[in-house]
Amino acid sequence: HCCVYKNKRYQFLSAEDERLFTQYPKRYLPSEEGLCVVSWAENHARATGSIEFPALFRDYLYLFANDDARQKFLRDPERYVDAQGHAHRIPAQAY
Protein backbone atom coordinates (compact mmCIF):
# COMPACT_ATOMS: atom_id res chain seq x y z
CA HIS A 1 0.00 0.00 0.00
CA CYS A 2 1.46 3.34 -1.01
CA CYS A 3 0.58 6.88 -2.04
CA VAL A 4 2.35 10.02 -3.25
CA TYR A 5 2.00 13.21 -1.23
CA LYS A 6 3.86 16.41 -2.17
CA ASN A 7 6.01 14.49 -4.64
CA LYS A 8 7.15 11.95 -2.01
CA ARG A 9 6.16 8.31 -1.94
CA TYR A 10 4.91 6.80 1.33
CA GLN A 11 4.45 3.09 1.97
CA PHE A 12 2.11 1.55 4.52
CA LEU A 13 1.54 -1.84 6.12
CA SER A 14 -2.19 -1.82 5.45
CA ALA A 15 -4.92 -0.18 3.42
CA GLU A 16 -6.28 1.32 6.65
CA ASP A 17 -2.93 2.98 7.41
CA GLU A 18 -2.86 4.39 3.89
CA ARG A 19 -6.43 5.68 4.25
CA LEU A 20 -5.67 7.43 7.55
CA PHE A 21 -2.56 9.04 6.11
CA THR A 22 -4.27 10.31 2.97
CA GLN A 23 -7.16 11.64 5.05
CA TYR A 24 -4.91 13.46 7.58
CA PRO A 25 -1.34 13.71 6.23
CA LYS A 26 -0.34 16.62 8.47
CA ARG A 27 -1.07 14.46 11.50
CA TYR A 28 1.68 12.05 10.48
CA LEU A 29 4.35 14.23 8.87
CA PRO A 30 6.82 16.54 10.61
CA SER A 31 5.81 20.19 10.71
CA GLU A 32 7.63 22.62 8.43
CA GLU A 33 8.65 19.71 6.19
CA GLY A 34 11.12 18.54 8.83
CA LEU A 35 13.10 21.77 9.05
CA CYS A 36 14.41 22.87 12.45
CA VAL A 37 12.24 25.82 13.57
CA VAL A 38 14.85 26.93 16.12
CA SER A 39 17.60 27.19 13.49
CA TRP A 40 15.20 29.17 11.31
CA ALA A 41 14.21 31.59 14.09
CA GLU A 42 17.65 32.13 15.58
CA ASN A 43 20.03 31.86 12.64
CA HIS A 44 17.83 32.33 9.57
CA ALA A 45 19.13 28.89 8.55
CA ARG A 46 17.14 26.17 6.83
CA ALA A 47 18.63 23.28 8.83
CA THR A 48 17.14 19.84 8.38
CA GLY A 49 15.75 18.33 11.57
CA SER A 50 16.66 14.84 12.68
CA ILE A 51 14.43 12.02 13.88
CA GLU A 52 16.94 11.73 16.75
CA PHE A 53 15.66 15.06 18.17
CA PRO A 54 11.83 15.13 17.99
CA ALA A 55 9.21 16.99 20.01
CA LEU A 56 5.43 17.13 19.99
CA PHE A 57 3.60 20.41 20.51
CA ARG A 58 -0.12 21.01 19.90
CA ASP A 59 -0.41 17.69 18.08
CA TYR A 60 2.38 18.58 15.64
CA LEU A 61 5.67 16.74 15.33
CA TYR A 62 8.80 18.89 15.09
CA LEU A 63 12.31 17.74 14.27
CA PHE A 64 15.43 19.59 15.43
CA ALA A 65 18.97 19.82 14.15
CA ASN A 66 20.42 18.92 17.56
CA ASP A 67 19.44 18.42 21.19
CA ASP A 68 20.29 22.02 22.11
CA ALA A 69 17.71 23.29 19.60
CA ARG A 70 15.19 20.76 20.89
CA GLN A 71 15.70 21.87 24.49
CA LYS A 72 15.29 25.56 23.52
CA PHE A 73 12.01 24.72 21.81
CA LEU A 74 10.71 22.70 24.76
CA ARG A 75 11.43 25.58 27.16
CA ASP A 76 9.46 28.13 25.08
CA PRO A 77 7.67 26.68 22.02
CA GLU A 78 5.58 29.83 21.40
CA ARG A 79 8.82 31.66 20.66
CA TYR A 80 9.24 29.47 17.59
CA VAL A 81 5.73 28.58 16.38
CA ASP A 82 2.35 30.32 16.19
CA ALA A 83 -0.98 29.10 17.52
CA GLN A 84 -1.53 26.97 14.39
CA GLY A 85 1.82 25.23 14.86
CA HIS A 86 3.63 27.00 12.01
CA ALA A 87 7.12 28.45 12.35
CA HIS A 88 7.30 32.19 12.80
CA ARG A 89 8.34 33.73 9.52
CA ILE A 90 10.88 36.45 9.08
CA PRO A 91 9.45 39.34 7.04
CA ALA A 92 10.97 39.70 3.57
CA GLN A 93 12.03 43.26 4.47
CA ALA A 94 14.45 41.84 7.05
CA TYR A 95 16.78 40.60 4.30
PDB file of N, CA and C in Angstrom:
ATOM      1  N   HIS A   1       0.847  -1.171   0.000  1.00  0.00           N
ATOM      2  CA  HIS A   1       0.000   0.000   0.000  1.00  0.00           C
ATOM      3  C   HIS A   1       0.890   1.230   0.000  1.00  0.00           C
ATOM      4  N   CYS A   2       0.640   2.137  -0.933  1.00  0.00           N
ATOM      5  CA  CYS A   2       1.455   3.345  -1.006  1.00  0.00           C
ATOM      6  C   CYS A   2       0.652   4.491  -1.625  1.00  0.00           C
ATOM      7  N   CYS A   3       1.168   5.704  -1.409  1.00  0.00           N
ATOM      8  CA  CYS A   3       0.582   6.883  -2.042  1.00  0.00           C
ATOM      9  C   CYS A   3       1.689   7.921  -2.215  1.00  0.00           C
ATOM     10  N   VAL A   4       1.414   8.914  -3.043  1.00  0.00           N
ATOM     11  CA  VAL A   4       2.346  10.021  -3.248  1.00  0.00           C
ATOM     12  C   VAL A   4       1.704  11.267  -2.676  1.00  0.00           C
ATOM     13  N   TYR A   5       2.467  11.965  -1.842  1.00  0.00           N
ATOM     14  CA  TYR A   5       2.002  13.212  -1.231  1.00  0.00           C
ATOM     15  C   TYR A   5       3.136  14.216  -1.336  1.00  0.00           C
ATOM     16  N   LYS A   6       2.851  15.362  -1.948  1.00  0.00           N
ATOM     17  CA  LYS A   6       3.857  16.414  -2.166  1.00  0.00           C
ATOM     18  C   LYS A   6       5.126  15.842  -2.799  1.00  0.00           C
ATOM     19  N   ASN A   7       4.933  15.070  -3.842  1.00  0.00           N
ATOM     20  CA  ASN A   7       6.014  14.487  -4.635  1.00  0.00           C
ATOM     21  C   ASN A   7       6.895  13.502  -3.876  1.00  0.00           C
ATOM     22  N   LYS A   8       6.414  12.974  -2.753  1.00  0.00           N
ATOM     23  CA  LYS A   8       7.146  11.948  -2.012  1.00  0.00           C
ATOM     24  C   LYS A   8       6.259  10.721  -1.886  1.00  0.00           C
ATOM     25  N   ARG A   9       6.891   9.579  -2.002  1.00  0.00           N
ATOM     26  CA  ARG A   9       6.157   8.312  -1.939  1.00  0.00           C
ATOM     27  C   ARG A   9       6.201   7.764  -0.513  1.00  0.00           C
ATOM     28  N   TYR A  10       5.036   7.362  -0.011  1.00  0.00           N
ATOM     29  CA  TYR A  10       4.914   6.804   1.329  1.00  0.00           C
ATOM     30  C   TYR A  10       4.342   5.403   1.221  1.00  0.00           C
ATOM     31  N   GLN A  11       4.911   4.472   1.980  1.00  0.00           N
ATOM     32  CA  GLN A  11       4.455   3.093   1.971  1.00  0.00           C
ATOM     33  C   GLN A  11       3.855   2.750   3.332  1.00  0.00           C
ATOM     34  N   PHE A  12       2.862   1.878   3.322  1.00  0.00           N
ATOM     35  CA  PHE A  12       2.106   1.546   4.522  1.00  0.00           C
ATOM     36  C   PHE A  12       1.957   0.036   4.645  1.00  0.00           C
ATOM     37  N   LEU A  13       1.727  -0.415   5.871  1.00  0.00           N
ATOM     38  CA  LEU A  13       1.538  -1.845   6.119  1.00  0.00           C
ATOM     39  C   LEU A  13       0.152  -2.324   5.739  1.00  0.00           C
ATOM     40  N   SER A  14      -0.813  -1.400   5.744  1.00  0.00           N
ATOM     41  CA  SER A  14      -2.189  -1.820   5.450  1.00  0.00           C
ATOM     42  C   SER A  14      -2.944  -0.737   4.688  1.00  0.00           C
ATOM     43  N   ALA A  15      -4.060  -1.139   4.114  1.00  0.00           N
ATOM     44  CA  ALA A  15      -4.923  -0.177   3.421  1.00  0.00           C
ATOM     45  C   ALA A  15      -5.492   0.834   4.409  1.00  0.00           C
ATOM     46  N   GLU A  16      -5.774   0.413   5.631  1.00  0.00           N
ATOM     47  CA  GLU A  16      -6.285   1.324   6.655  1.00  0.00           C
ATOM     48  C   GLU A  16      -5.251   2.393   7.015  1.00  0.00           C
ATOM     49  N   ASP A  17      -3.991   2.004   7.137  1.00  0.00           N
ATOM     50  CA  ASP A  17      -2.928   2.980   7.409  1.00  0.00           C
ATOM     51  C   ASP A  17      -2.829   3.997   6.272  1.00  0.00           C
ATOM     52  N   GLU A  18      -2.907   3.503   5.053  1.00  0.00           N
ATOM     53  CA  GLU A  18      -2.864   4.394   3.890  1.00  0.00           C
ATOM     54  C   GLU A  18      -4.058   5.354   3.903  1.00  0.00           C
ATOM     55  N   ARG A  19      -5.239   4.845   4.207  1.00  0.00           N
ATOM     56  CA  ARG A  19      -6.431   5.680   4.252  1.00  0.00           C
ATOM     57  C   ARG A  19      -6.309   6.774   5.307  1.00  0.00           C
ATOM     58  N   LEU A  20      -5.841   6.428   6.489  1.00  0.00           N
ATOM     59  CA  LEU A  20      -5.666   7.429   7.549  1.00  0.00           C
ATOM     60  C   LEU A  20      -4.666   8.502   7.150  1.00  0.00           C
ATOM     61  N   PHE A  21      -3.566   8.081   6.550  1.00  0.00           N
ATOM     62  CA  PHE A  21      -2.559   9.044   6.111  1.00  0.00           C
ATOM     63  C   PHE A  21      -3.117   9.984   5.052  1.00  0.00           C
ATOM     64  N   THR A  22      -3.768   9.451   4.043  1.00  0.00           N
ATOM     65  CA  THR A  22      -4.273  10.306   2.969  1.00  0.00           C
ATOM     66  C   THR A  22      -5.391  11.222   3.457  1.00  0.00           C
ATOM     67  N   GLN A  23      -6.100  10.805   4.497  1.00  0.00           N
ATOM     68  CA  GLN A  23      -7.158  11.642   5.052  1.00  0.00           C
ATOM     69  C   GLN A  23      -6.576  12.774   5.920  1.00  0.00           C
ATOM     70  N   TYR A  24      -5.505  12.489   6.649  1.00  0.00           N
ATOM     71  CA  TYR A  24      -4.914  13.464   7.581  1.00  0.00           C
ATOM     72  C   TYR A  24      -3.387  13.475   7.485  1.00  0.00           C
ATOM     73  N   PRO A  25      -2.812  13.806   6.364  1.00  0.00           N
ATOM     74  CA  PRO A  25      -1.344  13.705   6.229  1.00  0.00           C
ATOM     75  C   PRO A  25      -0.567  14.574   7.219  1.00  0.00           C
ATOM     76  N   LYS A  26      -1.077  15.748   7.553  1.00  0.00           N
ATOM     77  CA  LYS A  26      -0.338  16.618   8.474  1.00  0.00           C
ATOM     78  C   LYS A  26      -0.238  16.028   9.871  1.00  0.00           C
ATOM     79  N   ARG A  27      -1.113  15.117  10.189  1.00  0.00           N
ATOM     80  CA  ARG A  27      -1.074  14.460  11.498  1.00  0.00           C
ATOM     81  C   ARG A  27       0.130  13.528  11.607  1.00  0.00           C
ATOM     82  N   TYR A  28       0.630  13.060  10.477  1.00  0.00           N
ATOM     83  CA  TYR A  28       1.681  12.046  10.481  1.00  0.00           C
ATOM     84  C   TYR A  28       3.044  12.546  10.010  1.00  0.00           C
ATOM     85  N   LEU A  29       3.089  13.713   9.392  1.00  0.00           N
ATOM     86  CA  LEU A  29       4.353  14.232   8.866  1.00  0.00           C
ATOM     87  C   LEU A  29       4.916  15.313   9.774  1.00  0.00           C
ATOM     88  N   PRO A  30       6.238  15.475   9.801  1.00  0.00           N
ATOM     89  CA  PRO A  30       6.819  16.543  10.613  1.00  0.00           C
ATOM     90  C   PRO A  30       6.389  17.920  10.116  1.00  0.00           C
ATOM     91  N   SER A  31       6.160  18.811  11.054  1.00  0.00           N
ATOM     92  CA  SER A  31       5.807  20.190  10.715  1.00  0.00           C
ATOM     93  C   SER A  31       6.967  20.856   9.985  1.00  0.00           C
ATOM     94  N   GLU A  32       6.637  21.842   9.178  1.00  0.00           N
ATOM     95  CA  GLU A  32       7.630  22.619   8.425  1.00  0.00           C
ATOM     96  C   GLU A  32       8.529  21.730   7.567  1.00  0.00           C
ATOM     97  N   GLU A  33       7.949  20.647   7.066  1.00  0.00           N
ATOM     98  CA  GLU A  33       8.649  19.706   6.188  1.00  0.00           C
ATOM     99  C   GLU A  33       9.938  19.180   6.807  1.00  0.00           C
ATOM    100  N   GLY A  34       9.964  19.102   8.137  1.00  0.00           N
ATOM    101  CA  GLY A  34      11.116  18.542   8.833  1.00  0.00           C
ATOM    102  C   GLY A  34      12.253  19.508   9.094  1.00  0.00           C
ATOM    103  N   LEU A  35      12.055  20.786   8.773  1.00  0.00           N
ATOM    104  CA  LEU A  35      13.104  21.774   9.045  1.00  0.00           C
ATOM    105  C   LEU A  35      13.102  22.149  10.521  1.00  0.00           C
ATOM    106  N   CYS A  36      14.258  22.487  11.052  1.00  0.00           N
ATOM    107  CA  CYS A  36      14.414  22.872  12.449  1.00  0.00           C
ATOM    108  C   CYS A  36      13.920  24.306  12.637  1.00  0.00           C
ATOM    109  N   VAL A  37      12.819  24.485  13.378  1.00  0.00           N
ATOM    110  CA  VAL A  37      12.235  25.819  13.566  1.00  0.00           C
ATOM    111  C   VAL A  37      13.119  26.712  14.434  1.00  0.00           C
ATOM    112  N   VAL A  38      13.937  26.132  15.287  1.00  0.00           N
ATOM    113  CA  VAL A  38      14.849  26.927  16.118  1.00  0.00           C
ATOM    114  C   VAL A  38      15.977  27.493  15.257  1.00  0.00           C
ATOM    115  N   SER A  39      16.549  26.697  14.395  1.00  0.00           N
ATOM    116  CA  SER A  39      17.600  27.186  13.492  1.00  0.00           C
ATOM    117  C   SER A  39      17.074  28.301  12.603  1.00  0.00           C
ATOM    118  N   TRP A  40      15.816  28.142  12.163  1.00  0.00           N
ATOM    119  CA  TRP A  40      15.202  29.171  11.311  1.00  0.00           C
ATOM    120  C   TRP A  40      15.033  30.469  12.080  1.00  0.00           C
ATOM    121  N   ALA A  41      14.495  30.390  13.297  1.00  0.00           N
ATOM    122  CA  ALA A  41      14.206  31.588  14.087  1.00  0.00           C
ATOM    123  C   ALA A  41      15.466  32.288  14.574  1.00  0.00           C
ATOM    124  N   GLU A  42      16.473  31.530  14.966  1.00  0.00           N
ATOM    125  CA  GLU A  42      17.650  32.133  15.582  1.00  0.00           C
ATOM    126  C   GLU A  42      18.775  32.456  14.617  1.00  0.00           C
ATOM    127  N   ASN A  43      18.894  31.679  13.549  1.00  0.00           N
ATOM    128  CA  ASN A  43      20.034  31.857  12.639  1.00  0.00           C
ATOM    129  C   ASN A  43      19.634  32.114  11.195  1.00  0.00           C
ATOM    130  N   HIS A  44      18.333  32.180  10.943  1.00  0.00           N
ATOM    131  CA  HIS A  44      17.831  32.333   9.569  1.00  0.00           C
ATOM    132  C   HIS A  44      18.364  31.213   8.676  1.00  0.00           C
ATOM    133  N   ALA A  45      18.569  30.028   9.279  1.00  0.00           N
ATOM    134  CA  ALA A  45      19.132  28.886   8.555  1.00  0.00           C
ATOM    135  C   ALA A  45      18.061  27.831   8.332  1.00  0.00           C
ATOM    136  N   ARG A  46      18.072  27.256   7.147  1.00  0.00           N
ATOM    137  CA  ARG A  46      17.138  26.173   6.827  1.00  0.00           C
ATOM    138  C   ARG A  46      17.818  24.835   7.126  1.00  0.00           C
ATOM    139  N   ALA A  47      17.987  24.520   8.407  1.00  0.00           N
ATOM    140  CA  ALA A  47      18.631  23.280   8.834  1.00  0.00           C
ATOM    141  C   ALA A  47      17.611  22.142   8.870  1.00  0.00           C
ATOM    142  N   THR A  48      17.998  21.002   8.362  1.00  0.00           N
ATOM    143  CA  THR A  48      17.142  19.838   8.381  1.00  0.00           C
ATOM    144  C   THR A  48      17.109  19.249   9.782  1.00  0.00           C
ATOM    145  N   GLY A  49      15.896  18.972  10.274  1.00  0.00           N
ATOM    146  CA  GLY A  49      15.755  18.335  11.568  1.00  0.00           C
ATOM    147  C   GLY A  49      16.065  16.852  11.473  1.00  0.00           C
ATOM    148  N   SER A  50      16.311  16.249  12.622  1.00  0.00           N
ATOM    149  CA  SER A  50      16.661  14.836  12.680  1.00  0.00           C
ATOM    150  C   SER A  50      15.621  14.076  13.497  1.00  0.00           C
ATOM    151  N   ILE A  51      15.351  12.839  13.104  1.00  0.00           N
ATOM    152  CA  ILE A  51      14.430  12.022  13.883  1.00  0.00           C
ATOM    153  C   ILE A  51      15.021  11.687  15.253  1.00  0.00           C
ATOM    154  N   GLU A  52      16.306  11.936  15.455  1.00  0.00           N
ATOM    155  CA  GLU A  52      16.935  11.729  16.754  1.00  0.00           C
ATOM    156  C   GLU A  52      16.521  12.794  17.767  1.00  0.00           C
ATOM    157  N   PHE A  53      16.004  13.951  17.286  1.00  0.00           N
ATOM    158  CA  PHE A  53      15.657  15.063  18.167  1.00  0.00           C
ATOM    159  C   PHE A  53      14.233  15.556  17.894  1.00  0.00           C
ATOM    160  N   PRO A  54      13.228  14.746  18.251  1.00  0.00           N
ATOM    161  CA  PRO A  54      11.830  15.126  17.994  1.00  0.00           C
ATOM    162  C   PRO A  54      11.166  15.794  19.200  1.00  0.00           C
ATOM    163  N   ALA A  55      10.064  16.470  18.937  1.00  0.00           N
ATOM    164  CA  ALA A  55       9.212  16.987  20.008  1.00  0.00           C
ATOM    165  C   ALA A  55       7.798  17.128  19.463  1.00  0.00           C
ATOM    166  N   LEU A  56       6.824  16.910  20.330  1.00  0.00           N
ATOM    167  CA  LEU A  56       5.426  17.125  19.991  1.00  0.00           C
ATOM    168  C   LEU A  56       4.945  18.387  20.685  1.00  0.00           C
ATOM    169  N   PHE A  57       4.195  19.211  19.945  1.00  0.00           N
ATOM    170  CA  PHE A  57       3.596  20.410  20.513  1.00  0.00           C
ATOM    171  C   PHE A  57       2.314  20.682  19.752  1.00  0.00           C
ATOM    172  N   ARG A  58       1.203  20.786  20.496  1.00  0.00           N
ATOM    173  CA  ARG A  58      -0.117  21.012  19.905  1.00  0.00           C
ATOM    174  C   ARG A  58      -0.429  20.022  18.782  1.00  0.00           C
ATOM    175  N   ASP A  59      -0.150  18.778  19.031  1.00  0.00           N
ATOM    176  CA  ASP A  59      -0.413  17.686  18.084  1.00  0.00           C
ATOM    177  C   ASP A  59       0.416  17.751  16.809  1.00  0.00           C
ATOM    178  N   TYR A  60       1.477  18.532  16.789  1.00  0.00           N
ATOM    179  CA  TYR A  60       2.381  18.578  15.641  1.00  0.00           C
ATOM    180  C   TYR A  60       3.725  17.990  16.047  1.00  0.00           C
ATOM    181  N   LEU A  61       4.341  17.285  15.124  1.00  0.00           N
ATOM    182  CA  LEU A  61       5.668  16.739  15.328  1.00  0.00           C
ATOM    183  C   LEU A  61       6.691  17.709  14.752  1.00  0.00           C
ATOM    184  N   TYR A  62       7.702  18.033  15.541  1.00  0.00           N
ATOM    185  CA  TYR A  62       8.800  18.892  15.093  1.00  0.00           C
ATOM    186  C   TYR A  62      10.094  18.108  15.198  1.00  0.00           C
ATOM    187  N   LEU A  63      10.990  18.346  14.255  1.00  0.00           N
ATOM    188  CA  LEU A  63      12.314  17.739  14.275  1.00  0.00           C
ATOM    189  C   LEU A  63      13.348  18.845  14.409  1.00  0.00           C
ATOM    190  N   PHE A  64      14.412  18.572  15.155  1.00  0.00           N
ATOM    191  CA  PHE A  64      15.426  19.590  15.427  1.00  0.00           C
ATOM    192  C   PHE A  64      16.799  19.135  14.970  1.00  0.00           C
ATOM    193  N   ALA A  65      17.641  20.100  14.660  1.00  0.00           N
ATOM    194  CA  ALA A  65      18.974  19.818  14.147  1.00  0.00           C
ATOM    195  C   ALA A  65      19.865  19.167  15.202  1.00  0.00           C
ATOM    196  N   ASN A  66      19.616  19.475  16.473  1.00  0.00           N
ATOM    197  CA  ASN A  66      20.422  18.917  17.558  1.00  0.00           C
ATOM    198  C   ASN A  66      19.628  19.020  18.865  1.00  0.00           C
ATOM    199  N   ASP A  67      20.166  18.434  19.925  1.00  0.00           N
ATOM    200  CA  ASP A  67      19.441  18.423  21.193  1.00  0.00           C
ATOM    201  C   ASP A  67      19.359  19.816  21.810  1.00  0.00           C
ATOM    202  N   ASP A  68      20.343  20.657  21.593  1.00  0.00           N
ATOM    203  CA  ASP A  68      20.290  22.023  22.112  1.00  0.00           C
ATOM    204  C   ASP A  68      19.083  22.766  21.537  1.00  0.00           C
ATOM    205  N   ALA A  69      18.873  22.654  20.236  1.00  0.00           N
ATOM    206  CA  ALA A  69      17.714  23.292  19.596  1.00  0.00           C
ATOM    207  C   ALA A  69      16.416  22.705  20.145  1.00  0.00           C
ATOM    208  N   ARG A  70      16.380  21.415  20.336  1.00  0.00           N
ATOM    209  CA  ARG A  70      15.187  20.758  20.887  1.00  0.00           C
ATOM    210  C   ARG A  70      14.883  21.281  22.289  1.00  0.00           C
ATOM    211  N   GLN A  71      15.897  21.389  23.118  1.00  0.00           N
ATOM    212  CA  GLN A  71      15.697  21.875  24.490  1.00  0.00           C
ATOM    213  C   GLN A  71      15.212  23.330  24.502  1.00  0.00           C
ATOM    214  N   LYS A  72      15.748  24.161  23.617  1.00  0.00           N
ATOM    215  CA  LYS A  72      15.288  25.558  23.520  1.00  0.00           C
ATOM    216  C   LYS A  72      13.803  25.597  23.164  1.00  0.00           C
ATOM    217  N   PHE A  73      13.411  24.776  22.219  1.00  0.00           N
ATOM    218  CA  PHE A  73      12.015  24.723  21.807  1.00  0.00           C
ATOM    219  C   PHE A  73      11.121  24.270  22.960  1.00  0.00           C
ATOM    220  N   LEU A  74      11.526  23.234  23.665  1.00  0.00           N
ATOM    221  CA  LEU A  74      10.705  22.700  24.756  1.00  0.00           C
ATOM    222  C   LEU A  74      10.534  23.706  25.890  1.00  0.00           C
ATOM    223  N   ARG A  75      11.531  24.562  26.117  1.00  0.00           N
ATOM    224  CA  ARG A  75      11.426  25.582  27.158  1.00  0.00           C
ATOM    225  C   ARG A  75      10.439  26.684  26.792  1.00  0.00           C
ATOM    226  N   ASP A  76      10.324  27.018  25.492  1.00  0.00           N
ATOM    227  CA  ASP A  76       9.464  28.131  25.080  1.00  0.00           C
ATOM    228  C   ASP A  76       8.985  27.942  23.643  1.00  0.00           C
ATOM    229  N   PRO A  77       8.084  26.973  23.396  1.00  0.00           N
ATOM    230  CA  PRO A  77       7.674  26.685  22.022  1.00  0.00           C
ATOM    231  C   PRO A  77       7.003  27.855  21.312  1.00  0.00           C
ATOM    232  N   GLU A  78       6.258  28.699  22.045  1.00  0.00           N
ATOM    233  CA  GLU A  78       5.582  29.831  21.401  1.00  0.00           C
ATOM    234  C   GLU A  78       6.568  30.835  20.806  1.00  0.00           C
ATOM    235  N   ARG A  79       7.797  30.790  21.243  1.00  0.00           N
ATOM    236  CA  ARG A  79       8.821  31.663  20.660  1.00  0.00           C
ATOM    237  C   ARG A  79       9.104  31.265  19.202  1.00  0.00           C
ATOM    238  N   TYR A  80       8.863  29.998  18.896  1.00  0.00           N
ATOM    239  CA  TYR A  80       9.238  29.471  17.587  1.00  0.00           C
ATOM    240  C   TYR A  80       8.066  29.169  16.655  1.00  0.00           C
ATOM    241  N   VAL A  81       6.886  28.905  17.218  1.00  0.00           N
ATOM    242  CA  VAL A  81       5.732  28.585  16.376  1.00  0.00           C
ATOM    243  C   VAL A  81       4.500  29.361  16.819  1.00  0.00           C
ATOM    244  N   ASP A  82       3.587  29.596  15.874  1.00  0.00           N
ATOM    245  CA  ASP A  82       2.355  30.322  16.185  1.00  0.00           C
ATOM    246  C   ASP A  82       1.281  29.362  16.701  1.00  0.00           C
ATOM    247  N   ALA A  83       0.107  29.888  16.947  1.00  0.00           N
ATOM    248  CA  ALA A  83      -0.984  29.096  17.525  1.00  0.00           C
ATOM    249  C   ALA A  83      -1.418  27.943  16.622  1.00  0.00           C
ATOM    250  N   GLN A  84      -1.183  28.039  15.315  1.00  0.00           N
ATOM    251  CA  GLN A  84      -1.533  26.968  14.388  1.00  0.00           C
ATOM    252  C   GLN A  84      -0.398  25.969  14.210  1.00  0.00           C
ATOM    253  N   GLY A  85       0.710  26.163  14.936  1.00  0.00           N
ATOM    254  CA  GLY A  85       1.824  25.230  14.855  1.00  0.00           C
ATOM    255  C   GLY A  85       2.812  25.505  13.749  1.00  0.00           C
ATOM    256  N   HIS A  86       2.727  26.666  13.107  1.00  0.00           N
ATOM    257  CA  HIS A  86       3.631  27.002  12.013  1.00  0.00           C
ATOM    258  C   HIS A  86       4.787  27.861  12.518  1.00  0.00           C
ATOM    259  N   ALA A  87       5.946  27.675  11.944  1.00  0.00           N
ATOM    260  CA  ALA A  87       7.118  28.449  12.349  1.00  0.00           C
ATOM    261  C   ALA A  87       6.897  29.930  12.089  1.00  0.00           C
ATOM    262  N   HIS A  88       7.368  30.744  13.018  1.00  0.00           N
ATOM    263  CA  HIS A  88       7.304  32.189  12.804  1.00  0.00           C
ATOM    264  C   HIS A  88       8.168  32.533  11.597  1.00  0.00           C
ATOM    265  N   ARG A  89       7.634  33.344  10.743  1.00  0.00           N
ATOM    266  CA  ARG A  89       8.345  33.733   9.522  1.00  0.00           C
ATOM    267  C   ARG A  89       9.024  35.082   9.688  1.00  0.00           C
ATOM    268  N   ILE A  90      10.156  35.194   9.062  1.00  0.00           N
ATOM    269  CA  ILE A  90      10.885  36.453   9.081  1.00  0.00           C
ATOM    270  C   ILE A  90      10.385  37.280   7.904  1.00  0.00           C
ATOM    271  N   PRO A  91       9.949  38.516   8.158  1.00  0.00           N
ATOM    272  CA  PRO A  91       9.454  39.345   7.042  1.00  0.00           C
ATOM    273  C   PRO A  91      10.501  39.500   5.949  1.00  0.00           C
ATOM    274  N   ALA A  92      10.054  39.548   4.709  1.00  0.00           N
ATOM    275  CA  ALA A  92      10.969  39.696   3.570  1.00  0.00           C
ATOM    276  C   ALA A  92      11.825  40.941   3.692  1.00  0.00           C
ATOM    277  N   GLN A  93      11.294  42.012   4.325  1.00  0.00           N
ATOM    278  CA  GLN A  93      12.035  43.256   4.471  1.00  0.00           C
ATOM    279  C   GLN A  93      13.284  43.084   5.341  1.00  0.00           C
ATOM    280  N   ALA A  94      13.321  42.032   6.142  1.00  0.00           N
ATOM    281  CA  ALA A  94      14.453  41.842   7.051  1.00  0.00           C
ATOM    282  C   ALA A  94      15.713  41.431   6.314  1.00  0.00           C
ATOM    283  N   TYR A  95      15.603  41.062   5.034  1.00  0.00           N
ATOM    284  CA  TYR A  95      16.781  40.605   4.297  1.00  0.00           C
ATOM    285  C   TYR A  95      17.452  41.746   3.618  1.00  0.00           C
TER     286      TYR A  95
END
